[in-house]
Amino acid sequence: MFNTLNEKLQSVFKKMRGEARITEDNIKEAIRQVKMAMLEADVNYKVV
């Protein structure tokens, strides 16, 4: 569970580092991906 969550979070941050510019849309997408990764890892939805 933690390995999968770790991999997904690393993927999100790697993608953000690869962006030429950080925009509001990029940040919103990253937050969405982090939330989905946490939910998939069975983190309580109240925490997310």
N, C-alpha and C. Protein backbone atom coordinates (compact mmCIF):
# COMPACT_ATOMS: atom_id res chain seq x y z
N MET A 1 0.83 -1.19 0.00
CA MET A 1 0.00 0.00 0.00
C MET A 1 0.88 1.26 0.00
N PHE A 2 1.86 1.32 0.90
CA PHE A 2 2.70 2.51 0.97
C PHE A 2 3.61 2.63 -0.25
N ASN A 3 4.04 1.48 -0.78
CA ASN A 3 4.89 1.53 -1.97
C ASN A 3 4.14 2.11 -3.15
N THR A 4 2.90 1.69 -3.32
CA THR A 4 2.08 2.20 -4.42
C THR A 4 1.83 3.69 -4.26
N LEU A 5 1.48 4.10 -3.05
CA LEU A 5 1.24 5.52 -2.79
C LEU A 5 2.51 6.32 -3.05
N ASN A 6 3.63 5.81 -2.58
CA ASN A 6 4.91 6.48 -2.78
C ASN A 6 5.22 6.64 -4.27
N GLU A 7 5.01 5.59 -5.05
CA GLU A 7 5.27 5.64 -6.48
C GLU A 7 4.38 6.66 -7.18
N LYS A 8 3.12 6.69 -6.81
CA LYS A 8 2.19 7.63 -7.44
C LYS A 8 2.54 9.07 -7.08
N LEU A 9 2.90 9.31 -5.83
CA LEU A 9 3.28 10.66 -5.43
C LEU A 9 4.56 11.10 -6.12
N GLN A 10 5.51 10.20 -6.24
CA GLN A 10 6.75 10.52 -6.95
C GLN A 10 6.45 10.86 -8.41
N SER A 11 5.52 10.13 -9.01
CA SER A 11 5.14 10.39 -10.39
C SER A 11 4.53 11.78 -10.55
N VAL A 12 3.68 12.16 -9.61
CA VAL A 12 3.05 13.49 -9.67
C VAL A 12 4.11 14.58 -9.59
N PHE A 13 5.03 14.46 -8.64
CA PHE A 13 6.05 15.49 -8.47
C PHE A 13 7.06 15.50 -9.61
N LYS A 14 7.35 14.34 -10.17
CA LYS A 14 8.24 14.27 -11.33
C LYS A 14 7.61 15.00 -12.51
N LYS A 15 6.32 14.80 -12.69
CA LYS A 15 5.62 15.47 -13.78
C LYS A 15 5.64 16.98 -13.57
N MET A 16 5.44 17.42 -12.32
CA MET A 16 5.46 18.86 -12.03
C MET A 16 6.84 19.46 -12.31
N ARG A 17 7.88 18.72 -11.97
CA ARG A 17 9.24 19.22 -12.23
C ARG A 17 9.51 19.32 -13.72
N GLY A 18 8.85 18.48 -14.51
CA GLY A 18 9.06 18.48 -15.95
C GLY A 18 8.33 19.58 -16.69
N GLU A 19 7.43 20.27 -16.02
CA GLU A 19 6.67 21.34 -16.66
C GLU A 19 7.57 22.55 -16.88
N ALA A 20 7.41 23.19 -18.04
CA ALA A 20 8.19 24.39 -18.33
C ALA A 20 7.76 25.54 -17.42
N ARG A 21 6.45 25.60 -17.17
CA ARG A 21 5.91 26.65 -16.30
C ARG A 21 4.90 26.01 -15.36
N ILE A 22 4.89 26.49 -14.15
CA ILE A 22 3.90 26.03 -13.18
C ILE A 22 2.71 26.98 -13.27
N THR A 23 1.57 26.41 -13.62
CA THR A 23 0.36 27.21 -13.75
C THR A 23 -0.67 26.74 -12.74
N GLU A 24 -1.72 27.50 -12.61
CA GLU A 24 -2.81 27.12 -11.71
C GLU A 24 -3.41 25.79 -12.15
N ASP A 25 -3.54 25.59 -13.46
CA ASP A 25 -4.10 24.33 -13.96
C ASP A 25 -3.20 23.15 -13.63
N ASN A 26 -1.87 23.34 -13.73
CA ASN A 26 -0.93 22.27 -13.38
C ASN A 26 -1.08 21.90 -11.91
N ILE A 27 -1.20 22.89 -11.07
CA ILE A 27 -1.33 22.65 -9.63
C ILE A 27 -2.63 21.94 -9.32
N LYS A 28 -3.72 22.38 -9.95
CA LYS A 28 -5.01 21.72 -9.74
C LYS A 28 -4.95 20.25 -10.14
N GLU A 29 -4.31 19.97 -11.27
CA GLU A 29 -4.20 18.59 -11.74
C GLU A 29 -3.34 17.77 -10.77
N ALA A 30 -2.26 18.34 -10.28
CA ALA A 30 -1.40 17.63 -9.33
C ALA A 30 -2.16 17.32 -8.05
N ILE A 31 -2.93 18.28 -7.56
CA ILE A 31 -3.72 18.06 -6.35
C ILE A 31 -4.74 16.95 -6.58
N ARG A 32 -5.37 16.96 -7.75
CA ARG A 32 -6.35 15.92 -8.08
C ARG A 32 -5.69 14.55 -8.08
N GLN A 33 -4.51 14.46 -8.66
CA GLN A 33 -3.80 13.18 -8.72
C GLN A 33 -3.37 12.72 -7.33
N VAL A 34 -2.94 13.64 -6.49
CA VAL A 34 -2.56 13.28 -5.12
C VAL A 34 -3.77 12.76 -4.36
N LYS A 35 -4.90 13.44 -4.50
CA LYS A 35 -6.13 12.99 -3.83
C LYS A 35 -6.52 11.59 -4.29
N MET A 36 -6.46 11.35 -5.60
CA MET A 36 -6.81 10.03 -6.12
C MET A 36 -5.86 8.96 -5.60
N ALA A 37 -4.57 9.27 -5.56
CA ALA A 37 -3.59 8.31 -5.06
C ALA A 37 -3.87 7.98 -3.60
N MET A 38 -4.23 8.98 -2.82
CA MET A 38 -4.52 8.75 -1.40
C MET A 38 -5.78 7.91 -1.23
N LEU A 39 -6.80 8.20 -2.02
CA LEU A 39 -8.03 7.41 -1.94
C LEU A 39 -7.80 5.96 -2.36
N GLU A 40 -6.99 5.77 -3.40
CA GLU A 40 -6.67 4.42 -3.86
C GLU A 40 -5.87 3.66 -2.81
N ALA A 41 -5.14 4.38 -1.97
CA ALA A 41 -4.35 3.76 -0.90
C ALA A 41 -5.17 3.59 0.37
N ASP A 42 -6.48 3.79 0.27
CA ASP A 42 -7.42 3.62 1.38
C ASP A 42 -7.21 4.61 2.52
N VAL A 43 -6.74 5.80 2.19
CA VAL A 43 -6.68 6.86 3.19
C VAL A 43 -8.12 7.33 3.40
N ASN A 44 -8.49 7.59 4.62
CA ASN A 44 -9.85 8.01 4.93
C ASN A 44 -10.21 9.25 4.11
N TYR A 45 -11.39 9.24 3.52
CA TYR A 45 -11.80 10.35 2.66
C TYR A 45 -11.88 11.67 3.41
N LYS A 46 -12.08 11.64 4.72
CA LYS A 46 -12.12 12.87 5.50
C LYS A 46 -10.74 13.54 5.55
N VAL A 47 -9.70 12.74 5.46
CA VAL A 47 -8.33 13.25 5.46
C VAL A 47 -8.03 13.89 4.11
N VAL A 48 -8.54 13.26 3.07
CA VAL A 48 -8.28 13.73 1.71
C VAL A 48 -9.07 14.99 1.48
